[in-house]
Amino acid sequence: MIEELKILFRIFTTTRDAIEKFINILDPVIQNAADEHERLYYHHITEEEEQRLSRLAELFPLIASNKKKKRTTLCQPTMSLIDFYRN
């Protein structure tokens, strides 16, 4: 399980970096929008990406603390995926 957490950490770190780059690309687009509709459209995309960043920020401490443990409960499912999708 520790190896899987290391992989997740790398994936999430790469994702975080890509989101930050994407937001930086959108900033000038928002500032130079032709009209209010265009500005709001790209601003909404930026807000969604910022929400993703906040969710990732919550995961990093969990992964870091569980990487130190020999046994982790971070990813222990409480139900099967089949049961999850049925509910």
Protein backbone atom coordinates (compact mmCIF):
# COMPACT_ATOMS: atom_id res chain seq x y z
CA MET A 1 0.00 0.00 0.00
CA ILE A 2 2.90 2.39 0.67
CA GLU A 3 4.08 2.08 -2.92
CA GLU A 4 0.59 2.94 -4.16
CA LEU A 5 0.55 6.03 -1.94
CA LYS A 6 3.87 7.15 -3.43
CA ILE A 7 2.40 6.77 -6.91
CA LEU A 8 -0.72 8.70 -5.90
CA PHE A 9 1.44 11.45 -4.44
CA ARG A 10 3.36 11.78 -7.72
CA ILE A 11 0.12 11.82 -9.72
CA PHE A 12 -1.48 14.42 -7.45
CA THR A 13 1.66 16.58 -7.46
CA THR A 14 1.78 16.52 -11.26
CA THR A 15 -1.94 17.30 -11.38
CA ARG A 16 -1.52 20.23 -8.98
CA ASP A 17 1.32 21.67 -11.04
CA ALA A 18 -0.67 21.30 -14.27
CA ILE A 19 -3.73 22.98 -12.76
CA GLU A 20 -1.61 25.91 -11.58
CA LYS A 21 -0.10 26.30 -15.06
CA PHE A 22 -3.56 26.11 -16.64
CA ILE A 23 -4.91 28.81 -14.30
CA ASN A 24 -1.92 31.01 -15.18
CA ILE A 25 -2.71 30.53 -18.87
CA LEU A 26 -6.34 31.53 -18.30
CA ASP A 27 -5.56 34.68 -16.27
CA PRO A 28 -4.61 36.85 -19.27
CA VAL A 29 -7.54 35.43 -21.24
CA ILE A 30 -9.91 36.57 -18.48
CA GLN A 31 -8.27 39.99 -18.22
CA ASN A 32 -8.43 40.55 -21.98
CA ALA A 33 -11.88 39.10 -22.58
CA ALA A 34 -13.85 40.71 -25.38
CA ASP A 35 -17.03 40.90 -23.31
CA GLU A 36 -18.54 39.99 -19.95
CA HIS A 37 -19.83 36.64 -21.21
CA GLU A 38 -16.34 35.53 -22.27
CA ARG A 39 -14.82 36.79 -19.02
CA LEU A 40 -17.37 34.90 -16.91
CA TYR A 41 -16.96 31.74 -19.00
CA TYR A 42 -13.22 31.52 -18.38
CA HIS A 43 -13.56 32.75 -14.80
CA HIS A 44 -15.92 29.86 -14.11
CA ILE A 45 -13.37 27.40 -15.48
CA THR A 46 -10.74 28.96 -13.21
CA GLU A 47 -13.02 28.57 -10.18
CA GLU A 48 -13.54 24.89 -10.97
CA GLU A 49 -9.80 24.36 -11.20
CA GLU A 50 -9.29 26.18 -7.89
CA GLN A 51 -11.80 23.77 -6.31
CA ARG A 52 -9.75 20.87 -7.62
CA LEU A 53 -6.65 22.44 -6.08
CA SER A 54 -8.35 22.72 -2.70
CA ARG A 55 -9.39 19.05 -2.81
CA LEU A 56 -5.83 18.05 -3.67
CA ALA A 57 -4.53 20.21 -0.82
CA GLU A 58 -6.69 18.19 1.58
CA LEU A 59 -5.27 14.91 0.25
CA PHE A 60 -1.57 15.76 0.51
CA PRO A 61 -1.38 15.69 4.33
CA LEU A 62 -3.35 12.44 4.44
CA ILE A 63 -1.01 10.76 1.99
CA ALA A 64 2.10 12.13 3.69
CA SER A 65 1.01 10.92 7.13
CA ASN A 66 0.01 7.50 5.82
CA LYS A 67 3.24 7.01 3.87
CA LYS A 68 5.03 6.89 7.24
CA LYS A 69 2.80 4.12 8.60
CA LYS A 70 3.31 0.48 7.78
CA ARG A 71 -0.43 -0.13 7.54
CA THR A 72 -2.75 2.51 6.18
CA THR A 73 -6.48 3.05 6.39
CA LEU A 74 -6.59 5.89 3.86
CA CYS A 75 -7.89 3.79 0.99
CA GLN A 76 -9.80 1.06 2.79
CA PRO A 77 -13.20 0.82 1.07
CA THR A 78 -16.29 0.61 3.23
CA MET A 79 -18.29 -0.90 0.39
CA SER A 80 -17.60 -2.37 -2.99
CA LEU A 81 -17.71 -0.21 -6.09
CA ILE A 82 -20.71 -2.17 -7.32
CA ASP A 83 -22.62 -1.36 -4.13
CA PHE A 84 -21.49 2.27 -4.35
CA TYR A 85 -22.89 2.69 -7.87
CA ARG A 86 -26.13 0.89 -6.97
CA ASN A 87 -26.78 3.39 -4.18
